[in-house]
PDB file of N, CA and C in Angstrom:
ATOM      1  N   MET A   1      16.608  -3.526  18.644  1.00  0.00           N
ATOM      2  CA  MET A   1      16.293  -2.341  19.394  1.00  0.00           C
ATOM      3  C   MET A   1      16.059  -1.181  18.415  1.00  0.00           C
ATOM      4  N   LEU A   2      15.301  -0.056  18.464  1.00  0.00           N
ATOM      5  CA  LEU A   2      14.949   1.115  18.059  1.00  0.00           C
ATOM      6  C   LEU A   2      16.301   1.587  18.040  1.00  0.00           C
ATOM      7  N   LYS A   3      16.238   2.817  16.879  1.00  0.00           N
ATOM      8  CA  LYS A   3      17.118   3.618  17.083  1.00  0.00           C
ATOM      9  C   LYS A   3      17.186   4.983  16.744  1.00  0.00           C
ATOM     10  N   SER A   4      16.018   5.588  16.268  1.00  0.00           N
ATOM     11  CA  SER A   4      15.615   6.659  15.983  1.00  0.00           C
ATOM     12  C   SER A   4      15.435   7.608  16.965  1.00  0.00           C
ATOM     13  N   LYS A   5      15.834   8.915  17.008  1.00  0.00           N
ATOM     14  CA  LYS A   5      15.427   9.686  18.359  1.00  0.00           C
ATOM     15  C   LYS A   5      13.853   9.693  18.693  1.00  0.00           C
ATOM     16  N   LEU A   6      13.073   9.546  17.848  1.00  0.00           N
ATOM     17  CA  LEU A   6      11.851   9.833  17.707  1.00  0.00           C
ATOM     18  C   LEU A   6      11.083   8.988  18.293  1.00  0.00           C
ATOM     19  N   LEU A   7      11.805   7.589  17.982  1.00  0.00           N
ATOM     20  CA  LEU A   7      10.774   6.165  18.273  1.00  0.00           C
ATOM     21  C   LEU A   7      11.620   5.520  19.817  1.00  0.00           C
ATOM     22  N   SER A   8      12.861   5.437  19.754  1.00  0.00           N
ATOM     23  CA  SER A   8      13.498   4.738  20.688  1.00  0.00           C
ATOM     24  C   SER A   8      13.505   5.139  21.853  1.00  0.00           C
ATOM     25  N   PRO A   9      13.270   6.333  22.146  1.00  0.00           N
ATOM     26  CA  PRO A   9      12.930   6.913  23.655  1.00  0.00           C
ATOM     27  C   PRO A   9      11.702   5.976  24.689  1.00  0.00           C
ATOM     28  N   SER A  10      11.112   5.386  23.669  1.00  0.00           N
ATOM     29  CA  SER A  10       9.957   4.808  24.176  1.00  0.00           C
ATOM     30  C   SER A  10      10.230   3.489  24.492  1.00  0.00           C
ATOM     31  N   GLU A  11      10.058   3.038  25.905  1.00  0.00           N
ATOM     32  CA  GLU A  11      10.177   1.345  26.399  1.00  0.00           C
ATOM     33  C   GLU A  11       9.010   0.934  25.563  1.00  0.00           C
ATOM     34  N   ARG A  12       8.038   1.234  25.621  1.00  0.00           N
ATOM     35  CA  ARG A  12       6.639   0.576  24.872  1.00  0.00           C
ATOM     36  C   ARG A  12       6.497   0.183  23.439  1.00  0.00           C
ATOM     37  N   LEU A  13       7.567   1.210  22.795  1.00  0.00           N
ATOM     38  CA  LEU A  13       7.643   0.778  21.220  1.00  0.00           C
ATOM     39  C   LEU A  13       9.064  -0.109  21.050  1.00  0.00           C
ATOM     40  N   ASN A  14       9.790   0.255  22.303  1.00  0.00           N
ATOM     41  CA  ASN A  14      10.745  -0.895  22.017  1.00  0.00           C
ATOM     42  C   ASN A  14      10.233  -2.458  22.117  1.00  0.00           C
ATOM     43  N   ASN A  15       9.504  -2.322  23.181  1.00  0.00           N
ATOM     44  CA  ASN A  15       8.648  -3.760  23.541  1.00  0.00           C
ATOM     45  C   ASN A  15       8.051  -4.207  22.248  1.00  0.00           C
ATOM     46  N   CYS A  16       7.331  -3.219  21.681  1.00  0.00           N
ATOM     47  CA  CYS A  16       6.747  -3.672  20.390  1.00  0.00           C
ATOM     48  C   CYS A  16       7.338  -4.450  19.350  1.00  0.00           C
ATOM     49  N   GLU A  17       8.570  -3.885  19.326  1.00  0.00           N
ATOM     50  CA  GLU A  17       9.764  -4.686  18.323  1.00  0.00           C
ATOM     51  C   GLU A  17       9.688  -5.887  18.432  1.00  0.00           C
ATOM     52  N   THR A  18       9.942  -6.111  19.824  1.00  0.00           N
ATOM     53  CA  THR A  18      10.327  -7.866  20.238  1.00  0.00           C
ATOM     54  C   THR A  18       9.063  -8.547  20.656  1.00  0.00           C
ATOM     55  N   GLN A  19       8.113  -8.035  21.002  1.00  0.00           N
ATOM     56  CA  GLN A  19       6.992  -8.938  21.755  1.00  0.00           C
ATOM     57  C   GLN A  19       5.553  -8.700  21.063  1.00  0.00           C
ATOM     58  N   ASP A  20       5.042  -9.897  20.837  1.00  0.00           N
ATOM     59  CA  ASP A  20       3.594  -9.835  20.258  1.00  0.00           C
ATOM     60  C   ASP A  20       2.689  -9.009  21.294  1.00  0.00           C
ATOM     61  N   SER A  21       2.885  -9.354  22.193  1.00  0.00           N
ATOM     62  CA  SER A  21       1.949  -8.609  23.203  1.00  0.00           C
ATOM     63  C   SER A  21       2.148  -7.067  23.440  1.00  0.00           C
ATOM     64  N   ALA A  22       2.877  -6.534  22.982  1.00  0.00           N
ATOM     65  CA  ALA A  22       3.184  -4.828  22.921  1.00  0.00           C
ATOM     66  C   ALA A  22       2.450  -4.469  21.879  1.00  0.00           C
ATOM     67  N   HIS A  23       2.032  -5.113  20.807  1.00  0.00           N
ATOM     68  CA  HIS A  23       1.391  -4.355  19.691  1.00  0.00           C
ATOM     69  C   HIS A  23       0.402  -3.017  19.732  1.00  0.00           C
ATOM     70  N   VAL A  24       0.592  -2.320  19.005  1.00  0.00           N
ATOM     71  CA  VAL A  24      -0.192  -0.936  19.391  1.00  0.00           C
ATOM     72  C   VAL A  24      -1.435  -0.956  18.560  1.00  0.00           C
ATOM     73  N   THR A  25      -2.418  -0.813  19.279  1.00  0.00           N
ATOM     74  CA  THR A  25      -3.850  -1.111  18.362  1.00  0.00           C
ATOM     75  C   THR A  25      -4.703   0.130  18.734  1.00  0.00           C
ATOM     76  N   VAL A  26      -5.836   0.203  17.851  1.00  0.00           N
ATOM     77  CA  VAL A  26      -6.920   0.954  18.300  1.00  0.00           C
ATOM     78  C   VAL A  26      -7.325   1.079  19.753  1.00  0.00           C
ATOM     79  N   GLY A  27      -7.311   1.941  20.293  1.00  0.00           N
ATOM     80  CA  GLY A  27      -8.066   2.232  21.310  1.00  0.00           C
ATOM     81  C   GLY A  27      -6.425   2.585  22.468  1.00  0.00           C
ATOM     82  N   ASN A  28      -5.666   2.270  22.110  1.00  0.00           N
ATOM     83  CA  ASN A  28      -4.423   2.780  22.840  1.00  0.00           C
ATOM     84  C   ASN A  28      -4.231   4.088  22.985  1.00  0.00           C
ATOM     85  N   ALA A  29      -3.581   4.873  24.416  1.00  0.00           N
ATOM     86  CA  ALA A  29      -3.254   6.262  24.149  1.00  0.00           C
ATOM     87  C   ALA A  29      -1.786   6.144  24.945  1.00  0.00           C
ATOM     88  N   GLY A  30      -1.461   7.190  24.573  1.00  0.00           N
ATOM     89  CA  GLY A  30       0.010   7.543  25.436  1.00  0.00           C
ATOM     90  C   GLY A  30       1.094   8.274  24.568  1.00  0.00           C
ATOM     91  N   ASP A  31       2.223   8.197  25.291  1.00  0.00           N
ATOM     92  CA  ASP A  31       3.413   8.980  24.445  1.00  0.00           C
ATOM     93  C   ASP A  31       3.668   8.207  23.337  1.00  0.00           C
ATOM     94  N   HIS A  32       3.696   6.895  23.472  1.00  0.00           N
ATOM     95  CA  HIS A  32       3.989   5.503  22.406  1.00  0.00           C
ATOM     96  C   HIS A  32       3.222   5.807  21.238  1.00  0.00           C
ATOM     97  N   VAL A  33       2.073   6.186  21.354  1.00  0.00           N
ATOM     98  CA  VAL A  33       0.999   6.558  20.535  1.00  0.00           C
ATOM     99  C   VAL A  33       1.313   8.063  19.504  1.00  0.00           C
ATOM    100  N   LYS A  34       1.607   9.063  20.358  1.00  0.00           N
ATOM    101  CA  LYS A  34       1.951  10.245  19.789  1.00  0.00           C
ATOM    102  C   LYS A  34       3.445  10.012  18.964  1.00  0.00           C
ATOM    103  N   ARG A  35       4.467   9.092  19.101  1.00  0.00           N
ATOM    104  CA  ARG A  35       5.086   9.149  18.503  1.00  0.00           C
ATOM    105  C   ARG A  35       5.201   8.405  17.630  1.00  0.00           C
ATOM    106  N   ILE A  36       4.237   7.413  17.285  1.00  0.00           N
ATOM    107  CA  ILE A  36       3.830   6.833  16.173  1.00  0.00           C
ATOM    108  C   ILE A  36       3.240   7.880  15.186  1.00  0.00           C
ATOM    109  N   GLN A  37       2.299   8.680  15.586  1.00  0.00           N
ATOM    110  CA  GLN A  37       1.701   9.634  14.967  1.00  0.00           C
ATOM    111  C   GLN A  37       2.399  10.401  14.160  1.00  0.00           C
ATOM    112  N   GLN A  38       3.654  11.097  15.105  1.00  0.00           N
ATOM    113  CA  GLN A  38       4.439  11.775  14.716  1.00  0.00           C
ATOM    114  C   GLN A  38       5.444  11.328  13.455  1.00  0.00           C
ATOM    115  N   ALA A  39       5.402   9.832  13.488  1.00  0.00           N
ATOM    116  CA  ALA A  39       6.633   9.516  12.588  1.00  0.00           C
ATOM    117  C   ALA A  39       5.794   9.352  11.116  1.00  0.00           C
ATOM    118  N   LEU A  40       4.475   9.154  11.453  1.00  0.00           N
ATOM    119  CA  LEU A  40       3.572   8.697  10.400  1.00  0.00           C
ATOM    120  C   LEU A  40       3.704  10.251   9.549  1.00  0.00           C
ATOM    121  N   ILE A  41       3.371  11.170  10.163  1.00  0.00           N
ATOM    122  CA  ILE A  41       3.365  12.647   9.683  1.00  0.00           C
ATOM    123  C   ILE A  41       4.562  12.938   9.217  1.00  0.00           C
ATOM    124  N   ARG A  42       5.763  12.865   9.787  1.00  0.00           N
ATOM    125  CA  ARG A  42       6.787  13.267   9.256  1.00  0.00           C
ATOM    126  C   ARG A  42       7.386  12.221   7.999  1.00  0.00           C
ATOM    127  N   ILE A  43       7.078  10.941   8.050  1.00  0.00           N
ATOM    128  CA  ILE A  43       7.335  10.116   6.971  1.00  0.00           C
ATOM    129  C   ILE A  43       6.449  10.347   5.748  1.00  0.00           C
ATOM    130  N   ASP A  44       5.160  10.290   5.900  1.00  0.00           N
ATOM    131  CA  ASP A  44       4.434  10.375   4.802  1.00  0.00           C
ATOM    132  C   ASP A  44       3.119  11.384   4.693  1.00  0.00           C
ATOM    133  N   ASN A  45       3.458  12.490   5.620  1.00  0.00           N
ATOM    134  CA  ASN A  45       2.445  13.783   5.651  1.00  0.00           C
ATOM    135  C   ASN A  45       0.989  13.048   5.662  1.00  0.00           C
ATOM    136  N   ALA A  46       1.293  12.044   6.578  1.00  0.00           N
ATOM    137  CA  ALA A  46      -0.165  11.625   7.264  1.00  0.00           C
ATOM    138  C   ALA A  46      -1.127  12.483   7.709  1.00  0.00           C
ATOM    139  N   SER A  47      -2.719  12.447   7.415  1.00  0.00           N
ATOM    140  CA  SER A  47      -3.468  13.283   7.853  1.00  0.00           C
ATOM    141  C   SER A  47      -4.088  12.504   9.261  1.00  0.00           C
ATOM    142  N   ILE A  48      -3.898  12.555  10.233  1.00  0.00           N
ATOM    143  CA  ILE A  48      -4.376  12.449  11.604  1.00  0.00           C
ATOM    144  C   ILE A  48      -5.263  13.417  11.998  1.00  0.00           C
ATOM    145  N   ALA A  49      -6.719  12.908  12.553  1.00  0.00           N
ATOM    146  CA  ALA A  49      -7.471  14.127  13.561  1.00  0.00           C
ATOM    147  C   ALA A  49      -7.043  14.713  14.594  1.00  0.00           C
ATOM    148  N   GLU A  50      -7.364  15.956  14.486  1.00  0.00           N
ATOM    149  CA  GLU A  50      -6.428  16.893  15.693  1.00  0.00           C
ATOM    150  C   GLU A  50      -6.687  16.307  17.026  1.00  0.00           C
ATOM    151  N   ALA A  51      -8.071  15.808  17.171  1.00  0.00           N
ATOM    152  CA  ALA A  51      -8.532  15.324  18.529  1.00  0.00           C
ATOM    153  C   ALA A  51      -7.738  13.935  19.001  1.00  0.00           C
ATOM    154  N   GLU A  52      -7.345  13.194  17.765  1.00  0.00           N
ATOM    155  CA  GLU A  52      -6.288  12.021  18.252  1.00  0.00           C
ATOM    156  C   GLU A  52      -4.965  12.767  18.467  1.00  0.00           C
ATOM    157  N   LEU A  53      -4.345  13.430  17.985  1.00  0.00           N
ATOM    158  CA  LEU A  53      -3.266  14.232  17.939  1.00  0.00           C
ATOM    159  C   LEU A  53      -3.144  14.583  19.438  1.00  0.00           C
ATOM    160  N   THR A  54      -4.000  15.681  19.913  1.00  0.00           N
ATOM    161  CA  THR A  54      -4.135  15.950  21.310  1.00  0.00           C
ATOM    162  C   THR A  54      -4.330  15.189  22.320  1.00  0.00           C
ATOM    163  N   SER A  55      -5.416  14.332  22.272  1.00  0.00           N
ATOM    164  CA  SER A  55      -5.402  13.370  23.066  1.00  0.00           C
ATOM    165  C   SER A  55      -4.023  12.009  23.018  1.00  0.00           C
ATOM    166  N   THR A  56      -3.581  12.174  22.233  1.00  0.00           N
ATOM    167  CA  THR A  56      -2.264  10.842  21.789  1.00  0.00           C
ATOM    168  C   THR A  56      -3.306   9.311  21.747  1.00  0.00           C
ATOM    169  N   THR A  57      -4.119   9.632  21.004  1.00  0.00           N
ATOM    170  CA  THR A  57      -4.829   8.219  20.913  1.00  0.00           C
ATOM    171  C   THR A  57      -4.628   7.728  19.623  1.00  0.00           C
ATOM    172  N   TYR A  58      -4.801   6.271  19.462  1.00  0.00           N
ATOM    173  CA  TYR A  58      -4.635   5.865  18.254  1.00  0.00           C
ATOM    174  C   TYR A  58      -6.527   5.333  18.095  1.00  0.00           C
ATOM    175  N   GLY A  59      -6.931   6.337  17.095  1.00  0.00           N
ATOM    176  CA  GLY A  59      -8.336   6.139  16.767  1.00  0.00           C
ATOM    177  C   GLY A  59      -8.138   5.937  15.301  1.00  0.00           C
ATOM    178  N   LYS A  60      -9.639   5.885  14.819  1.00  0.00           N
ATOM    179  CA  LYS A  60      -9.819   5.434  13.304  1.00  0.00           C
ATOM    180  C   LYS A  60      -8.643   6.723  12.417  1.00  0.00           C
ATOM    181  N   SER A  61      -8.448   7.593  12.669  1.00  0.00           N
ATOM    182  CA  SER A  61      -7.668   8.129  11.548  1.00  0.00           C
ATOM    183  C   SER A  61      -6.172   7.662  11.451  1.00  0.00           C
ATOM    184  N   THR A  62      -5.636   7.440  12.631  1.00  0.00           N
ATOM    185  CA  THR A  62      -4.302   7.098  13.179  1.00  0.00           C
ATOM    186  C   THR A  62      -4.146   5.721  12.343  1.00  0.00           C
ATOM    187  N   ALA A  63      -5.124   4.882  12.444  1.00  0.00           N
ATOM    188  CA  ALA A  63      -5.687   3.637  12.211  1.00  0.00           C
ATOM    189  C   ALA A  63      -5.691   3.628  10.320  1.00  0.00           C
ATOM    190  N   ALA A  64      -6.330   4.355  10.155  1.00  0.00           N
ATOM    191  CA  ALA A  64      -6.059   4.726   8.830  1.00  0.00           C
ATOM    192  C   ALA A  64      -5.066   5.059   8.215  1.00  0.00           C
ATOM    193  N   ALA A  65      -4.188   5.846   8.730  1.00  0.00           N
ATOM    194  CA  ALA A  65      -2.580   6.146   8.479  1.00  0.00           C
ATOM    195  C   ALA A  65      -1.661   4.819   8.570  1.00  0.00           C
ATOM    196  N   VAL A  66      -1.581   4.318   9.602  1.00  0.00           N
ATOM    197  CA  VAL A  66      -1.082   3.021   9.662  1.00  0.00           C
ATOM    198  C   VAL A  66      -1.416   2.095   8.583  1.00  0.00           C
ATOM    199  N   LEU A  67      -2.482   1.906   8.249  1.00  0.00           N
ATOM    200  CA  LEU A  67      -2.970   0.949   7.231  1.00  0.00           C
ATOM    201  C   LEU A  67      -2.407   1.268   5.857  1.00  0.00           C
ATOM    202  N   ASP A  68      -2.411   2.582   5.482  1.00  0.00           N
ATOM    203  CA  ASP A  68      -1.756   3.237   4.205  1.00  0.00           C
ATOM    204  C   ASP A  68      -0.162   3.030   4.327  1.00  0.00           C
ATOM    205  N   TYR A  69       0.468   3.463   5.438  1.00  0.00           N
ATOM    206  CA  TYR A  69       1.737   3.266   5.467  1.00  0.00           C
ATOM    207  C   TYR A  69       2.223   1.767   5.080  1.00  0.00           C
ATOM    208  N   LYS A  70       1.182   0.951   5.757  1.00  0.00           N
ATOM    209  CA  LYS A  70       1.415  -0.695   5.677  1.00  0.00           C
ATOM    210  C   LYS A  70       1.255  -1.236   4.054  1.00  0.00           C
ATOM    211  N   THR A  71       0.191  -0.460   3.565  1.00  0.00           N
ATOM    212  CA  THR A  71      -0.174  -0.924   2.059  1.00  0.00           C
ATOM    213  C   THR A  71       0.656  -0.709   1.216  1.00  0.00           C
ATOM    214  N   ARG A  72       1.293   0.550   1.378  1.00  0.00           N
ATOM    215  CA  ARG A  72       2.406   1.485   0.295  1.00  0.00           C
ATOM    216  C   ARG A  72       3.665   0.513   0.749  1.00  0.00           C
ATOM    217  N   ARG A  73       3.959  -0.153   1.625  1.00  0.00           N
ATOM    218  CA  ARG A  73       5.339  -0.657   1.714  1.00  0.00           C
ATOM    219  C   ARG A  73       4.930  -2.234   1.916  1.00  0.00           C
ATOM    220  N   ASN A  74       3.984  -2.633   1.318  1.00  0.00           N
ATOM    221  CA  ASN A  74       3.758  -4.258   1.633  1.00  0.00           C
ATOM    222  C   ASN A  74       4.038  -4.548   2.591  1.00  0.00           C
ATOM    223  N   ILE A  75       3.754  -4.247   4.097  1.00  0.00           N
ATOM    224  CA  ILE A  75       4.435  -4.749   5.076  1.00  0.00           C
ATOM    225  C   ILE A  75       3.037  -5.785   5.575  1.00  0.00           C
ATOM    226  N   ILE A  76       3.261  -7.085   5.502  1.00  0.00           N
ATOM    227  CA  ILE A  76       2.106  -8.352   5.846  1.00  0.00           C
ATOM    228  C   ILE A  76       3.223  -8.984   6.156  1.00  0.00           C
ATOM    229  N   ASN A  77       2.681  -9.942   7.070  1.00  0.00           N
ATOM    230  CA  ASN A  77       3.267 -11.108   7.880  1.00  0.00           C
ATOM    231  C   ASN A  77       2.764 -12.194   7.175  1.00  0.00           C
ATOM    232  N   THR A  78       3.176 -12.593   5.763  1.00  0.00           N
ATOM    233  CA  THR A  78       2.410 -13.568   4.967  1.00  0.00           C
ATOM    234  C   THR A  78       2.317 -15.153   5.515  1.00  0.00           C
ATOM    235  N   SER A  79       2.800 -15.455   6.891  1.00  0.00           N
ATOM    236  CA  SER A  79       2.619 -16.598   7.625  1.00  0.00           C
ATOM    237  C   SER A  79       0.780 -16.537   7.904  1.00  0.00           C
ATOM    238  N   TYR A  80       0.577 -15.492   8.063  1.00  0.00           N
ATOM    239  CA  TYR A  80      -0.876 -15.381   8.320  1.00  0.00           C
ATOM    240  C   TYR A  80      -2.060 -14.285   7.791  1.00  0.00           C
ATOM    241  N   GLN A  81      -1.254 -13.741   7.267  1.00  0.00           N
ATOM    242  CA  GLN A  81      -1.978 -12.518   6.685  1.00  0.00           C
ATOM    243  C   GLN A  81      -1.978 -12.532   4.903  1.00  0.00           C
ATOM    244  N   LYS A  82      -3.148 -11.657   4.287  1.00  0.00           N
ATOM    245  CA  LYS A  82      -3.133 -11.710   3.094  1.00  0.00           C
ATOM    246  C   LYS A  82      -3.174 -10.320   2.679  1.00  0.00           C
ATOM    247  N   THR A  83      -3.610  -9.592   3.597  1.00  0.00           N
ATOM    248  CA  THR A  83      -3.611  -8.134   3.223  1.00  0.00           C
ATOM    249  C   THR A  83      -2.936  -7.253   4.620  1.00  0.00           C
ATOM    250  N   ALA A  84      -2.812  -6.049   4.486  1.00  0.00           N
ATOM    251  CA  ALA A  84      -2.249  -5.126   5.502  1.00  0.00           C
ATOM    252  C   ALA A  84      -3.237  -5.130   6.526  1.00  0.00           C
ATOM    253  N   ASP A  85      -3.204  -4.648   7.924  1.00  0.00           N
ATOM    254  CA  ASP A  85      -3.824  -4.682   8.917  1.00  0.00           C
ATOM    255  C   ASP A  85      -3.591  -2.721   9.385  1.00  0.00           C
ATOM    256  N   ASN A  86      -4.124  -2.648  10.342  1.00  0.00           N
ATOM    257  CA  ASN A  86      -3.912  -1.370  11.171  1.00  0.00           C
ATOM    258  C   ASN A  86      -3.254  -1.707  12.503  1.00  0.00           C
ATOM    259  N   ILE A  87      -2.576  -2.529  12.674  1.00  0.00           N
ATOM    260  CA  ILE A  87      -1.925  -2.782  13.699  1.00  0.00           C
ATOM    261  C   ILE A  87      -0.322  -2.154  13.767  1.00  0.00           C
ATOM    262  N   VAL A  88       0.546  -1.722  14.967  1.00  0.00           N
ATOM    263  CA  VAL A  88       1.897  -1.436  14.726  1.00  0.00           C
ATOM    264  C   VAL A  88       2.421  -2.660  15.720  1.00  0.00           C
ATOM    265  N   GLY A  89       3.036  -3.277  14.914  1.00  0.00           N
ATOM    266  CA  GLY A  89       3.777  -4.522  15.336  1.00  0.00           C
ATOM    267  C   GLY A  89       5.188  -4.180  15.165  1.00  0.00           C
ATOM    268  N   LYS A  90       5.601  -6.071  15.252  1.00  0.00           N
ATOM    269  CA  LYS A  90       7.363  -5.708  15.103  1.00  0.00           C
ATOM    270  C   LYS A  90       7.767  -5.139  13.893  1.00  0.00           C
ATOM    271  N   MET A  91       7.203  -5.855  12.581  1.00  0.00           N
ATOM    272  CA  MET A  91       7.643  -5.293  11.522  1.00  0.00           C
ATOM    273  C   MET A  91       7.250  -3.680  11.199  1.00  0.00           C
ATOM    274  N   THR A  92       5.968  -3.274  11.436  1.00  0.00           N
ATOM    275  CA  THR A  92       5.815  -1.954  11.215  1.00  0.00           C
ATOM    276  C   THR A  92       6.519  -0.915  12.081  1.00  0.00           C
ATOM    277  N   ILE A  93       7.048  -0.960  13.555  1.00  0.00           N
ATOM    278  CA  ILE A  93       7.695  -0.427  14.240  1.00  0.00           C
ATOM    279  C   ILE A  93       8.991  -0.342  13.817  1.00  0.00           C
ATOM    280  N   LYS A  94       9.512  -1.625  13.309  1.00  0.00           N
ATOM    281  CA  LYS A  94      11.468  -1.710  12.800  1.00  0.00           C
ATOM    282  C   LYS A  94      11.016  -0.869  11.436  1.00  0.00           C
ATOM    283  N   SER A  95      10.231  -0.698  10.417  1.00  0.00           N
ATOM    284  CA  SER A  95       9.975   0.173   9.076  1.00  0.00           C
ATOM    285  C   SER A  95       9.938   1.509   9.422  1.00  0.00           C
ATOM    286  N   LEU A  96       9.005   1.766  10.669  1.00  0.00           N
ATOM    287  CA  LEU A  96       9.002   3.221  10.867  1.00  0.00           C
ATOM    288  C   LEU A  96      10.143   4.099  11.532  1.00  0.00           C
ATOM    289  N   ASP A  97      11.033   2.921  12.270  1.00  0.00           N
ATOM    290  CA  ASP A  97      12.326   3.283  12.848  1.00  0.00           C
ATOM    291  C   ASP A  97      13.091   3.269  11.531  1.00  0.00           C
ATOM    292  N   ASP A  98      13.525   2.461  10.912  1.00  0.00           N
ATOM    293  CA  ASP A  98      14.368   2.655   9.712  1.00  0.00           C
ATOM    294  C   ASP A  98      14.258   3.669   8.889  1.00  0.00           C
ATOM    295  N   GLU A  99      12.707   4.003   8.375  1.00  0.00           N
ATOM    296  CA  GLU A  99      12.798   5.394   7.528  1.00  0.00           C
ATOM    297  C   GLU A  99      12.992   6.790   8.496  1.00  0.00           C
ATOM    298  N   MET A 100      12.725   6.800   9.677  1.00  0.00           N
ATOM    299  CA  MET A 100      12.971   7.980  10.697  1.00  0.00           C
ATOM    300  C   MET A 100      14.442   8.289  10.484  1.00  0.00           C
ATOM    301  N   LEU A 101      15.261   7.343  10.705  1.00  0.00           N
ATOM    302  CA  LEU A 101      16.715   7.651  10.773  1.00  0.00           C
ATOM    303  C   LEU A 101      17.146   8.404   9.845  1.00  0.00           C
ATOM    304  N   PRO A 102      17.431   8.065   8.685  1.00  0.00           N
ATOM    305  CA  PRO A 102      17.486   9.111   7.686  1.00  0.00           C
ATOM    306  C   PRO A 102      16.863  10.612   7.514  1.00  0.00           C
ATOM    307  N   LEU A 103      15.772  10.433   7.955  1.00  0.00           N
ATOM    308  CA  LEU A 103      14.920  11.685   8.100  1.00  0.00           C
ATOM    309  C   LEU A 103      15.619  12.651   9.204  1.00  0.00           C
ATOM    310  N   GLU A 104      15.719  12.140  10.369  1.00  0.00           N
ATOM    311  CA  GLU A 104      16.387  12.480  11.182  1.00  0.00           C
ATOM    312  C   GLU A 104      17.831  13.140  11.180  1.00  0.00           C
ATOM    313  N   GLN A 105      18.446  12.560  10.201  1.00  0.00           N
ATOM    314  CA  GLN A 105      20.009  12.995   9.870  1.00  0.00           C
ATOM    315  C   GLN A 105      20.127  13.703   9.165  1.00  0.00           C
ATOM    316  N   ARG A 106      18.927  13.865   7.913  1.00  0.00           N
ATOM    317  CA  ARG A 106      18.975  14.952   7.273  1.00  0.00           C
ATOM    318  C   ARG A 106      18.156  16.138   7.643  1.00  0.00           C
ATOM    319  N   MET A 107      17.169  16.004   8.679  1.00  0.00           N
ATOM    320  CA  MET A 107      17.013  17.323   9.625  1.00  0.00           C
ATOM    321  C   MET A 107      18.176  17.824  10.248  1.00  0.00           C
ATOM    322  N   SER A 108      18.583  17.122  11.204  1.00  0.00           N
ATOM    323  CA  SER A 108      19.908  17.582  11.649  1.00  0.00           C
ATOM    324  C   SER A 108      21.041  18.209  10.906  1.00  0.00           C
ATOM    325  N   ASP A 109      21.248  17.683  10.045  1.00  0.00           N
ATOM    326  CA  ASP A 109      22.270  18.512   8.909  1.00  0.00           C
ATOM    327  C   ASP A 109      21.721  19.790   8.406  1.00  0.00           C
ATOM    328  N   ASP A 110      20.533  19.737   8.246  1.00  0.00           N
ATOM    329  CA  ASP A 110      19.733  21.241   7.809  1.00  0.00           C
ATOM    330  C   ASP A 110      20.084  21.982   8.676  1.00  0.00           C
ATOM    331  N   PHE A 111      19.656  21.641  10.282  1.00  0.00           N
ATOM    332  CA  PHE A 111      19.728  22.580  11.339  1.00  0.00           C
ATOM    333  C   PHE A 111      20.956  23.084  11.487  1.00  0.00           C
ATOM    334  N   LEU A 112      22.104  21.953  11.463  1.00  0.00           N
ATOM    335  CA  LEU A 112      23.297  22.772  11.764  1.00  0.00           C
ATOM    336  C   LEU A 112      24.259  23.283  10.698  1.00  0.00           C
ATOM    337  N   GLY A 113      23.570  23.369   9.463  1.00  0.00           N
ATOM    338  CA  GLY A 113      24.138  24.062   8.453  1.00  0.00           C
ATOM    339  C   GLY A 113      25.020  23.229   7.434  1.00  0.00           C
ATOM    340  N   ALA A 114      24.844  21.809   7.542  1.00  0.00           N
ATOM    341  CA  ALA A 114      25.768  21.414   6.332  1.00  0.00           C
ATOM    342  C   ALA A 114      25.475  21.795   4.756  1.00  0.00           C
ATOM    343  N   GLY A 115      24.389  22.177   4.677  1.00  0.00           N
ATOM    344  CA  GLY A 115      24.207  22.827   3.304  1.00  0.00           C
ATOM    345  C   GLY A 115      24.753  23.999   3.033  1.00  0.00           C
ATOM    346  N   LEU A 116      25.010  24.906   4.266  1.00  0.00           N
ATOM    347  CA  LEU A 116      25.319  26.558   4.140  1.00  0.00           C
ATOM    348  C   LEU A 116      26.686  26.297   3.045  1.00  0.00           C
ATOM    349  N   ARG A 117      27.152  27.405   2.190  1.00  0.00           N
ATOM    350  CA  ARG A 117      28.448  27.633   1.913  1.00  0.00           C
ATOM    351  C   ARG A 117      29.110  28.841   2.192  1.00  0.00           C
ATOM    352  N   PRO A 118      30.352  28.778   2.108  1.00  0.00           N
ATOM    353  CA  PRO A 118      30.942  29.905   2.877  1.00  0.00           C
ATOM    354  C   PRO A 118      30.606  31.288   2.110  1.00  0.00           C
ATOM    355  N   LEU A 119      30.837  32.091   3.042  1.00  0.00           N
ATOM    356  CA  LEU A 119      30.705  33.747   2.666  1.00  0.00           C
ATOM    357  C   LEU A 119      31.704  34.103   1.880  1.00  0.00           C
ATOM    358  N   ARG A 120      31.608  34.813   0.925  1.00  0.00           N
ATOM    359  CA  ARG A 120      32.634  35.525   0.097  1.00  0.00           C
ATOM    360  C   ARG A 120      32.442  37.025   0.474  1.00  0.00           C
ATOM    361  N   GLY A 121      33.753  37.101   0.651  1.00  0.00           N
ATOM    362  CA  GLY A 121      33.391  38.804   0.692  1.00  0.00           C
ATOM    363  C   GLY A 121      33.291  39.553   2.283  1.00  0.00           C
ATOM    364  N   ARG A 122      32.921  40.842   2.125  1.00  0.00           N
ATOM    365  CA  ARG A 122      32.810  41.283   3.482  1.00  0.00           C
ATOM    366  C   ARG A 122      31.272  41.485   3.596  1.00  0.00           C
ATOM    367  N   LEU A 123      30.864  41.644   4.893  1.00  0.00           N
ATOM    368  CA  LEU A 123      29.505  41.925   5.642  1.00  0.00           C
ATOM    369  C   LEU A 123      29.500  43.057   5.721  1.00  0.00           C
ATOM    370  N   THR A 124      28.683  43.755   5.438  1.00  0.00           N
ATOM    371  CA  THR A 124      28.465  45.484   5.463  1.00  0.00           C
ATOM    372  C   THR A 124      26.860  45.524   6.336  1.00  0.00           C
TER     373      THR A 124
END
């Protein structure tokens, strides 16, 4: 079960983690694609075409960002692959989720002021 705040609300992505039939591929569109795009942008500063972001479509630039993400991390199912592909399946969604958790924690800590030091003296 996915745990990050970005990815876990999506039933489709939770299914992706457990069901081969729920893999996310080129041509898919919707909120689940938007969440993948946002994770790739936040984790890897991925460059995804504005048209794909606006339409929440898994197009060529999203596929390229997924392939780059998987290649950098060597996400390959060695039982049938020799190189990474551009599909978001079980291993990829788990990896994205695992990387989003600490990012979300850091963002939350920063927002809540965990890095702030106490003020000394008077405010004038």
